[in-house]
Protein backbone atom coordinates (compact mmCIF):
# COMPACT_ATOMS: atom_id res chain seq x y z
CA UNK A 1 193.07 205.02 176.95
CA UNK A 2 197.23 204.78 177.89
CA UNK A 3 196.98 200.84 178.04
CA UNK A 4 195.41 201.09 174.49
CA UNK A 5 197.83 203.46 172.99
CA UNK A 6 201.18 201.60 174.81
CA UNK A 7 200.36 198.59 172.49
CA UNK A 8 202.75 197.84 169.55
CA UNK A 9 201.24 198.46 166.31
CA UNK A 10 201.27 194.91 165.10
CA UNK A 11 198.65 194.17 167.51
CA UNK A 12 196.61 197.11 166.50
CA UNK A 13 196.65 195.90 162.94
CA UNK A 14 195.84 192.42 164.10
CA UNK A 15 192.49 193.57 165.94
CA UNK A 16 191.52 195.42 162.75
CA UNK A 17 192.42 192.43 160.47
CA UNK A 18 189.95 190.10 162.92
CA UNK A 19 187.29 192.75 163.20
CA UNK A 20 186.98 192.51 159.47
CA UNK A 21 187.03 189.03 158.91
CA UNK A 22 183.33 187.87 157.76
CA UNK A 23 181.55 185.83 159.52
CA UNK A 24 178.99 183.23 157.53
CA UNK A 25 176.44 183.10 160.07
CA UNK A 26 175.64 186.73 160.57
CA UNK A 27 174.84 186.79 164.30
CA UNK A 28 175.86 190.52 164.77
CA UNK A 29 173.68 193.24 163.88
CA UNK A 30 175.06 196.38 162.17
CA UNK A 31 174.49 199.67 163.41
CA UNK A 32 171.88 202.08 161.90
CA UNK A 33 173.12 203.15 158.56
CA UNK A 34 176.16 200.96 158.34
CA UNK A 35 176.90 197.61 156.90
CA UNK A 36 177.41 194.58 158.63
CA UNK A 37 181.00 193.27 158.43
CA UNK A 38 179.90 190.00 159.85
CA UNK A 39 177.71 188.90 156.83
CA UNK A 40 179.01 188.04 153.44
CA UNK A 41 177.05 190.08 150.88
CA UNK A 42 175.77 188.75 147.54
CA UNK A 43 177.18 191.02 145.67
CA UNK A 44 176.53 190.64 141.48
CA UNK A 45 179.48 189.74 139.65
CA UNK A 46 181.80 190.09 142.79
CA UNK A 47 182.38 186.47 142.79
CA UNK A 48 181.59 186.07 146.54
CA UNK A 49 178.05 184.39 146.92
CA UNK A 50 176.82 181.67 148.95
CA UNK A 51 176.67 178.19 147.90
CA UNK A 52 173.60 176.93 149.29
CA UNK A 53 174.15 173.16 148.12
CA UNK A 54 177.86 173.32 149.21
CA UNK A 55 176.67 171.48 152.54
CA UNK A 56 173.70 169.74 151.10
CA UNK A 57 172.71 165.88 152.38
CA UNK A 58 174.09 164.42 149.25
CA UNK A 59 177.19 166.61 148.86
CA UNK A 60 178.84 165.26 152.05
CA UNK A 61 181.29 162.75 151.84
CA UNK A 62 181.52 159.63 153.78
CA UNK A 63 178.82 160.20 156.37
CA UNK A 64 175.49 159.71 154.78
CA UNK A 65 176.36 157.76 151.46
CA UNK A 66 175.58 154.17 151.62
CA UNK A 67 178.09 151.75 150.99
CA UNK A 68 178.12 149.28 148.07
CA UNK A 69 177.15 145.54 149.09
CA UNK A 70 180.47 144.35 147.37
CA UNK A 71 182.33 146.26 150.07
CA UNK A 72 180.90 144.37 152.90
CA UNK A 73 183.40 141.42 152.51
CA UNK A 74 183.56 140.92 156.54
CA UNK A 75 181.52 138.59 157.78
CA UNK A 76 180.36 140.41 160.55
CA UNK A 77 178.87 142.74 158.08
CA UNK A 78 176.99 140.38 156.15
CA UNK A 79 173.19 140.40 156.68
CA UNK A 80 172.12 137.25 158.42
CA UNK A 81 168.53 135.56 159.03
CA UNK A 82 166.92 135.73 162.16
CA UNK A 83 167.92 133.30 164.84
CA UNK A 84 166.61 129.92 165.20
CA UNK A 85 165.27 129.94 168.53
CA UNK A 86 161.93 128.48 169.64
CA UNK A 87 159.23 130.79 170.87
CA UNK A 88 158.58 131.30 174.34
CA UNK A 89 155.62 129.03 175.25
CA UNK A 90 154.45 128.23 178.77
CA UNK A 91 155.04 124.45 178.28
CA UNK A 92 158.72 125.15 177.97
CA UNK A 93 158.99 126.40 181.62
CA UNK A 94 160.03 123.03 182.89
CA UNK A 95 163.42 121.66 184.38
CA UNK A 96 164.88 119.78 181.55
CA UNK A 97 164.50 123.38 179.53
CA UNK A 98 166.88 125.38 182.05
CA UNK A 99 169.42 126.73 180.02
CA UNK A 100 167.36 126.88 176.74
CA UNK A 101 167.14 130.53 174.91
CA UNK A 102 163.66 131.54 173.91
CA UNK A 103 162.43 134.21 171.79
CA UNK A 104 159.54 136.69 172.34
CA UNK A 105 157.44 136.63 169.02
CA UNK A 106 155.98 139.60 167.90
CA UNK A 107 152.12 139.19 168.44
CA UNK A 108 148.99 141.69 167.54
CA UNK A 109 149.06 142.30 171.28
CA UNK A 110 152.46 142.68 172.36
CA UNK A 111 153.43 143.66 175.71
CA UNK A 112 156.62 144.80 174.78
CA UNK A 113 155.37 147.32 171.89
CA UNK A 114 152.72 148.67 174.11
CA UNK A 115 153.83 148.50 177.65
CA UNK A 116 157.44 149.17 176.79
CA UNK A 117 160.36 147.62 178.72
CA UNK A 118 163.25 149.05 180.61
CA UNK A 119 166.00 150.64 178.44
CA UNK A 120 168.89 148.29 179.01
CA UNK A 121 166.92 145.46 177.86
CA UNK A 122 165.57 147.61 174.74
CA UNK A 123 169.10 147.97 173.76
CA UNK A 124 170.00 144.56 173.80
CA UNK A 125 166.88 143.45 171.95
CA UNK A 126 167.88 145.89 169.32
CA UNK A 127 170.87 144.73 168.88
CA UNK A 128 169.96 140.81 168.16
CA UNK A 129 168.35 139.82 165.46
CA UNK A 130 165.54 138.41 167.79
CA UNK A 131 164.09 139.08 171.27
CA UNK A 132 165.59 136.35 173.36
CA UNK A 133 166.05 135.49 176.90
CA UNK A 134 167.38 132.39 178.44
CA UNK A 135 165.29 129.68 180.91
CA UNK A 136 166.98 130.05 184.25
CA UNK A 137 166.22 128.04 187.44
CA UNK A 138 164.44 130.75 188.70
CA UNK A 139 162.03 131.25 185.63
CA UNK A 140 160.86 127.64 186.45
CA UNK A 141 160.10 128.49 189.93
CA UNK A 142 158.34 131.56 189.06
CA UNK A 143 156.21 129.78 186.61
CA UNK A 144 155.27 127.23 189.38
CA UNK A 145 154.10 129.90 191.73
CA UNK A 146 152.08 131.76 189.13
CA UNK A 147 150.24 128.45 187.97
CA UNK A 148 149.20 128.26 191.76
CA UNK A 149 148.18 131.66 191.72
CA UNK A 150 145.72 131.34 189.28
CA UNK A 151 143.30 129.68 191.71
CA UNK A 152 144.35 131.91 194.59
CA UNK A 153 143.46 135.58 195.70
CA UNK A 154 146.36 138.11 194.63
CA UNK A 155 147.33 138.97 198.37
CA UNK A 156 148.78 135.37 199.03
CA UNK A 157 150.92 135.73 196.24
CA UNK A 158 152.78 139.32 196.56
CA UNK A 159 156.56 138.88 195.49
CA UNK A 160 159.27 141.06 195.42
CA UNK A 161 162.42 140.16 193.00
CA UNK A 162 165.29 141.07 194.68
CA UNK A 163 168.92 140.74 193.82
CA UNK A 164 172.45 142.61 192.86
CA UNK A 165 172.62 145.02 189.73
CA UNK A 166 172.29 142.96 186.28
CA UNK A 167 171.32 139.74 187.86
CA UNK A 168 168.00 139.54 185.59
CA UNK A 169 165.12 140.55 187.68
CA UNK A 170 163.98 142.70 184.91
CA UNK A 171 164.15 139.92 182.47
CA UNK A 172 162.52 137.53 185.16
CA UNK A 173 159.52 140.04 185.65
CA UNK A 174 158.92 139.89 181.61
CA UNK A 175 158.91 136.29 181.35
CA UNK A 176 156.30 136.50 184.12
CA UNK A 177 154.58 138.76 182.03
CA UNK A 178 154.86 136.61 178.76
CA UNK A 179 153.87 133.48 180.80
CA UNK A 180 150.81 135.13 182.25
CA UNK A 181 149.86 136.32 178.62
CA UNK A 182 150.01 133.15 177.37
CA UNK A 183 147.81 131.52 179.77
CA UNK A 184 145.22 134.17 179.00
CA UNK A 185 145.37 136.14 182.09
CA UNK A 186 144.83 139.73 182.17
CA UNK A 187 148.07 141.35 182.71
CA UNK A 188 149.20 145.18 183.83
CA UNK A 189 152.89 145.99 183.47
CA UNK A 190 154.61 148.96 184.87
CA UNK A 191 157.93 148.86 183.37
CA UNK A 192 159.43 151.95 185.09
CA UNK A 193 157.41 152.77 188.34
CA UNK A 194 159.51 155.49 188.92
CA UNK A 195 157.64 157.51 186.31
CA UNK A 196 155.07 157.60 188.27
CA UNK A 197 156.94 159.89 191.02
CA UNK A 198 159.56 161.57 189.25
CA UNK A 199 157.21 164.52 188.07
CA UNK A 200 157.03 163.68 184.34
CA UNK A 201 153.01 164.04 184.11
CA UNK A 202 150.49 166.15 185.19
CA UNK A 203 149.00 166.06 188.24
CA UNK A 204 145.84 167.96 189.79
CA UNK A 205 144.27 167.57 193.05
CA UNK A 206 141.10 165.95 193.39
CA UNK A 207 138.56 167.14 196.59
CA UNK A 208 136.81 163.78 196.40
CA UNK A 209 139.17 161.50 197.05
CA UNK A 210 142.31 163.99 198.88
CA UNK A 211 144.68 162.89 196.13
CA UNK A 212 146.65 164.02 193.17
CA UNK A 213 145.25 162.55 190.22
CA UNK A 214 147.65 161.92 187.18
CA UNK A 215 145.15 162.13 184.28
CA UNK A 216 148.05 161.42 181.66
CA UNK A 217 149.56 158.74 182.92
CA UNK A 218 145.87 157.07 183.79
CA UNK A 219 145.07 157.92 179.99
CA UNK A 220 148.23 156.12 178.91
CA UNK A 221 147.86 153.08 180.97
CA UNK A 222 144.21 152.69 179.97
CA UNK A 223 145.52 152.55 176.28
CA UNK A 224 147.89 149.95 177.23
CA UNK A 225 145.93 147.75 179.03
CA UNK A 226 143.19 147.82 176.25
CA UNK A 227 145.57 146.96 173.59
CA UNK A 228 147.08 144.09 175.29
CA UNK A 229 144.00 142.71 176.87
CA UNK A 230 141.30 143.71 174.76
CA UNK A 231 139.79 139.80 174.09
CA UNK A 232 139.70 139.02 178.00
CA UNK A 233 138.02 142.86 178.65
CA UNK A 234 135.36 142.18 175.85
CA UNK A 235 134.07 139.10 177.98
CA UNK A 236 133.58 141.21 181.19
CA UNK A 237 130.93 143.76 182.44
CA UNK A 238 130.58 146.27 184.79
CA UNK A 239 128.38 145.45 187.78
CA UNK A 240 127.81 148.73 189.04
CA UNK A 241 127.17 152.26 187.08
CA UNK A 242 129.41 155.06 186.73
CA UNK A 243 128.25 158.96 186.50
CA UNK A 244 131.30 161.08 186.71
CA UNK A 245 131.80 164.58 184.93
CA UNK A 246 128.58 164.14 182.42
CA UNK A 247 129.97 160.71 181.54
CA UNK A 248 127.89 158.20 182.59
CA UNK A 249 128.59 154.02 182.07
CA UNK A 250 125.48 151.75 182.72
CA UNK A 251 125.64 148.33 184.13
CA UNK A 252 126.64 145.90 181.97
CA UNK A 253 129.09 147.91 179.76
CA UNK A 254 132.09 145.87 178.49
CA UNK A 255 135.47 146.99 180.49
CA UNK A 256 136.88 147.27 177.01
CA UNK A 257 134.27 149.95 176.41
CA UNK A 258 135.39 151.32 179.56
CA UNK A 259 138.97 151.47 178.97
CA UNK A 260 138.47 152.61 175.79
CA UNK A 261 136.59 155.64 177.07
CA UNK A 262 139.09 156.49 179.63
CA UNK A 263 142.13 156.31 177.03
CA UNK A 264 140.08 159.18 174.91
CA UNK A 265 139.38 161.81 177.67
CA UNK A 266 142.15 162.93 180.33
CA UNK A 267 139.28 164.39 182.23
CA UNK A 268 137.69 161.25 183.03
CA UNK A 269 140.91 158.52 182.96
CA UNK A 270 141.83 158.50 186.45
CA UNK A 271 138.21 157.64 187.73
CA UNK A 272 137.92 155.29 184.87
CA UNK A 273 141.23 153.30 185.51
CA UNK A 274 140.19 153.04 189.20
CA UNK A 275 137.27 151.68 188.35
CA UNK A 276 138.46 149.26 186.05
CA UNK A 277 140.64 147.81 188.57
CA UNK A 278 137.67 147.70 191.01
CA UNK A 279 135.85 145.88 188.39
CA UNK A 280 138.40 143.22 188.10
CA UNK A 281 138.65 143.06 192.00
CA UNK A 282 135.47 141.95 191.86
CA UNK A 283 135.48 139.13 188.84
CA UNK A 284 136.69 135.78 189.51
CA UNK A 285 136.60 134.36 186.17
CA UNK A 286 140.13 135.64 184.79
CA UNK A 287 143.17 135.65 186.83
CA UNK A 288 145.02 139.20 186.91
CA UNK A 289 148.57 139.80 186.89
CA UNK A 290 150.31 143.21 188.41
CA UNK A 291 153.81 143.51 187.55
CA UNK A 292 155.68 146.64 188.56
CA UNK A 293 159.44 147.10 187.78
CA UNK A 294 161.55 149.89 189.77
CA UNK A 295 159.07 148.82 192.55
CA UNK A 296 161.31 150.60 195.26
CA UNK A 297 160.50 154.05 193.78
CA UNK A 298 157.06 153.84 195.21
CA UNK A 299 158.45 153.24 198.78
CA UNK A 300 160.23 156.29 198.88
CA UNK A 301 159.08 158.81 201.58
CA UNK A 302 159.26 161.71 199.29
CA UNK A 303 158.44 162.04 195.37
CA UNK A 304 159.49 164.84 192.72
CA UNK A 305 155.79 166.10 192.76
CA UNK A 306 155.40 169.49 194.63
CA UNK A 307 152.13 170.59 196.05
CA UNK A 308 150.87 174.37 195.62
CA UNK A 309 153.64 175.23 198.86
CA UNK A 310 156.32 173.43 196.81
CA UNK A 311 156.48 170.61 199.22
CA UNK A 312 157.56 167.06 198.41
CA UNK A 313 153.98 165.25 197.88
CA UNK A 314 154.28 161.58 199.39
CA UNK A 315 153.88 158.81 196.86
CA UNK A 316 150.68 157.65 198.80
CA UNK A 317 149.04 161.00 197.89
CA UNK A 318 149.24 160.36 194.48
CA UNK A 319 146.85 158.36 192.64
CA UNK A 320 148.56 155.87 190.70
CA UNK A 321 151.32 154.94 193.22
CA UNK A 322 148.63 154.81 195.77
CA UNK A 323 146.63 152.23 193.98
CA UNK A 324 149.80 150.02 193.44
CA UNK A 325 150.50 150.38 197.19
CA UNK A 326 147.31 149.07 198.08
CA UNK A 327 147.30 145.83 195.86
CA UNK A 328 150.98 145.35 197.02
CA UNK A 329 150.01 145.51 200.63
CA UNK A 330 146.83 143.49 200.13
CA UNK A 331 144.44 146.23 201.10
CA UNK A 332 143.07 145.44 197.88
CA UNK A 333 143.26 141.97 196.03
CA UNK A 334 142.13 140.18 192.83
CA UNK A 335 140.40 137.15 193.69
CA UNK A 336 142.76 135.27 191.32
CA UNK A 337 145.70 136.52 190.46
CA UNK A 338 149.62 137.61 191.58
CA UNK A 339 151.63 140.87 192.50
CA UNK A 340 154.86 141.07 191.21
CA UNK A 341 157.77 143.75 191.71
CA UNK A 342 161.32 144.11 191.04
CA UNK A 343 163.56 146.38 192.95
CA UNK A 344 166.55 148.65 191.11
CA UNK A 345 169.09 148.70 193.86
CA UNK A 346 171.49 150.96 191.58
CA UNK A 347 169.00 154.11 191.74
CA UNK A 348 170.62 156.85 193.41
CA UNK A 349 167.37 158.94 193.22
CA UNK A 350 165.15 156.19 194.19
CA UNK A 351 166.60 153.92 196.47
CA UNK A 352 165.68 150.87 198.30
CA UNK A 353 164.11 152.03 201.84
CA UNK A 354 164.48 150.88 205.13
CA UNK A 355 160.93 149.47 205.13
CA UNK A 356 161.43 147.73 202.26
CA UNK A 357 164.62 146.55 203.49
CA UNK A 358 163.07 145.25 206.86
CA UNK A 359 160.32 143.55 205.34
CA UNK A 360 162.16 141.64 202.84
CA UNK A 361 164.94 141.09 205.18
CA UNK A 362 167.71 142.36 202.84
CA UNK A 363 171.07 143.40 204.02
CA UNK A 364 171.64 146.97 203.53
CA UNK A 365 174.85 148.94 202.50
CA UNK A 366 174.77 150.87 205.61
CA UNK A 367 174.12 149.67 209.19
CA UNK A 368 170.55 150.37 210.28
CA UNK A 369 168.97 149.75 213.81
CA UNK A 370 165.59 149.92 215.46
CA UNK A 371 166.33 153.60 216.29
CA UNK A 372 166.38 154.46 212.30
CA UNK A 373 163.54 156.65 211.49
CA UNK A 374 161.00 154.78 209.65
CA UNK A 375 157.31 155.82 208.17
CA UNK A 376 154.62 153.85 209.72
CA UNK A 377 152.30 154.46 206.54
CA UNK A 378 154.94 152.63 204.20
CA UNK A 379 155.50 149.84 206.85
CA UNK A 380 151.91 149.45 206.51
CA UNK A 381 151.89 148.98 202.57
CA UNK A 382 155.05 146.60 202.87
CA UNK A 383 153.59 144.32 205.21
CA UNK A 384 153.30 140.67 203.89
CA UNK A 385 155.65 141.33 200.92
CA UNK A 386 157.65 138.21 200.22
CA UNK A 387 161.24 138.08 199.16
CA UNK A 388 162.00 136.21 195.76
CA UNK A 389 165.56 136.33 195.44
CA UNK A 390 167.21 135.98 192.09
CA UNK A 391 170.38 134.25 191.36
CA UNK A 392 172.98 136.85 191.15
CA UNK A 393 175.14 134.92 188.32
CA UNK A 394 174.53 132.60 185.36
CA UNK A 395 175.03 128.87 185.65
CA UNK A 396 177.47 127.85 183.15
CA UNK A 397 174.84 126.08 181.37
CA UNK A 398 173.01 129.11 180.96
CA UNK A 399 176.13 131.22 180.28
CA UNK A 400 176.80 128.87 177.52
CA UNK A 401 173.40 129.06 175.83
CA UNK A 402 173.56 132.97 176.01
CA UNK A 403 177.09 133.07 174.46
CA UNK A 404 176.09 130.59 171.82
CA UNK A 405 173.17 132.68 170.90
CA UNK A 406 175.05 135.83 170.71
CA UNK A 407 177.72 134.16 168.62
CA UNK A 408 175.00 132.51 165.90
CA UNK A 409 174.07 136.37 165.60
CA UNK A 410 177.27 137.39 164.59
CA UNK A 411 178.28 139.49 167.47
CA UNK A 412 181.64 138.18 168.41
CA UNK A 413 184.94 139.74 166.77
CA UNK A 414 187.08 137.50 168.45
CA UNK A 415 187.23 133.62 167.89
CA UNK A 416 184.26 131.97 169.26
CA UNK A 417 185.59 128.97 171.40
CA UNK A 418 185.81 127.49 174.90
CA UNK A 419 188.81 129.62 176.01
CA UNK A 420 187.10 133.00 174.99
CA UNK A 421 183.63 131.79 176.83
CA UNK A 422 185.37 130.94 179.89
CA UNK A 423 187.48 134.26 179.82
CA UNK A 424 184.24 136.44 179.71
CA UNK A 425 182.65 134.19 182.39
CA UNK A 426 185.07 134.59 184.78
CA UNK A 427 186.19 138.08 183.88
CA UNK A 428 182.18 139.17 184.71
CA UNK A 429 182.02 136.47 187.69
CA UNK A 430 178.60 134.96 186.00
CA UNK A 431 176.96 138.38 186.50
CA UNK A 432 174.14 137.98 183.36
CA UNK A 433 174.14 141.67 182.35
CA UNK A 434 178.08 141.84 182.60
CA UNK A 435 178.45 138.79 180.92
CA UNK A 436 176.57 140.49 177.61
CA UNK A 437 177.68 143.88 177.81
CA UNK A 438 181.55 144.09 179.26
CA UNK A 439 182.03 140.46 178.26
CA UNK A 440 180.36 139.30 174.53
CA UNK A 441 179.93 143.12 173.32
CA UNK A 442 183.00 143.81 175.04
CA UNK A 443 184.84 142.26 172.21
CA UNK A 444 183.86 144.65 169.50
CA UNK A 445 185.76 147.18 171.31
CA UNK A 446 189.29 145.38 169.78
CA UNK A 447 192.20 146.55 168.11
CA UNK A 448 191.63 149.07 165.26
CA UNK A 449 191.42 147.23 161.54
CA UNK A 450 194.35 147.17 159.92
CA UNK A 451 194.36 149.49 156.79
CA UNK A 452 195.85 148.76 153.41
CA UNK A 453 196.52 150.92 150.20
CA UNK A 454 193.55 148.93 148.61
CA UNK A 455 190.93 149.86 151.23
CA UNK A 456 188.48 151.58 149.05
CA UNK A 457 187.05 153.80 152.13
CA UNK A 458 189.07 157.14 152.09
CA UNK A 459 187.60 158.03 155.75
CA UNK A 460 189.56 155.21 156.83
CA UNK A 461 192.63 156.06 154.87
CA UNK A 462 192.48 159.70 156.63
CA UNK A 463 192.31 158.05 159.82
CA UNK A 464 195.55 156.15 159.54
CA UNK A 465 198.69 157.02 161.85
């Protein structure tokens, strides 16, 4: 009280003034029997009332109003038609086509639409008027390996795409998916395998298998497999019946009907997914591709899932990662087909483990020796995997095709000439991701536009220095 009384009268008057200021949001509640000073009262004829339309969508200046087409004078802002790029076809996967840009056309059973793709690739496809990729040497090699895998068991073709960050592993994996679909394979594509171990879906313990089931993820996976491979699944039937949770499927039921039932009922989705993969492992009519991105995530010793004692669950104790591990290790196999995985080396939450680096003979960022602790179970699941290194840089021919493709799509604000191309190619050291995002798209971060007095945009005039 002595401190309060010693304050100058100026501060006491200021405190009273601030206390009496009205507050438009009305957060505070007034004491019982008193009128709140923090809320504007709508008193009739007082001249103080809320204008409810003052901040409506149509009255906001500039932010939500569409511009007149006559104002779009810059060529970058002009609408453009789709790129004239040839469609992705298996017959284009030849050495004489290396460096050519091809487009992934939208089809009724589009794997990009139903399976999804990694985030960086999705953003790139949204910037381009067409979803494009370039044919590289490694693309042709992978296509040849998949052609030979069409007549061999999948345990003989188990590749892991490796390489530094941004070298194009995810693009190559998507090209393999598109290639196999065009060759009428059955394709199971998991673009983000870390979603199977990062505790983003529900899990329940199953006494029958002594593993943790992931019913929601299994339900989504069945729906995606059915949408992309419906025509092939219609031609295959179950060899044995299935009875589970008051649901029965007799022998002769098509795999499309089985997948459809599991995609609608999360109670039976996990059992149906395992049954579907078992049936695909017994037929030799159609090859099967299992493609998994973020492959290293399921080889970590712990997941983000927790058991009732709040201990971390191992990946091989979860239903979906365990199925992938069994096919990746060759414990289970398709009579015809292949297993492809792509690792993400820049994920600190799920790094590439020592077990994978030993099997794939990868150089690690930290020195390791035989005395480092390893999981014997994960070593067994990694046994037999083959390393398929992706070149860490574009060849000049491949980079020139990508540069020309973005140039024709009006993605460059700088003059498109040989000097700009060589500068961006050198700055990025040929790394595909850096060449596109820091090189080509980096030209958009140029100097501020010159604003004249005749500029019709008031928001630009306000930003002048």
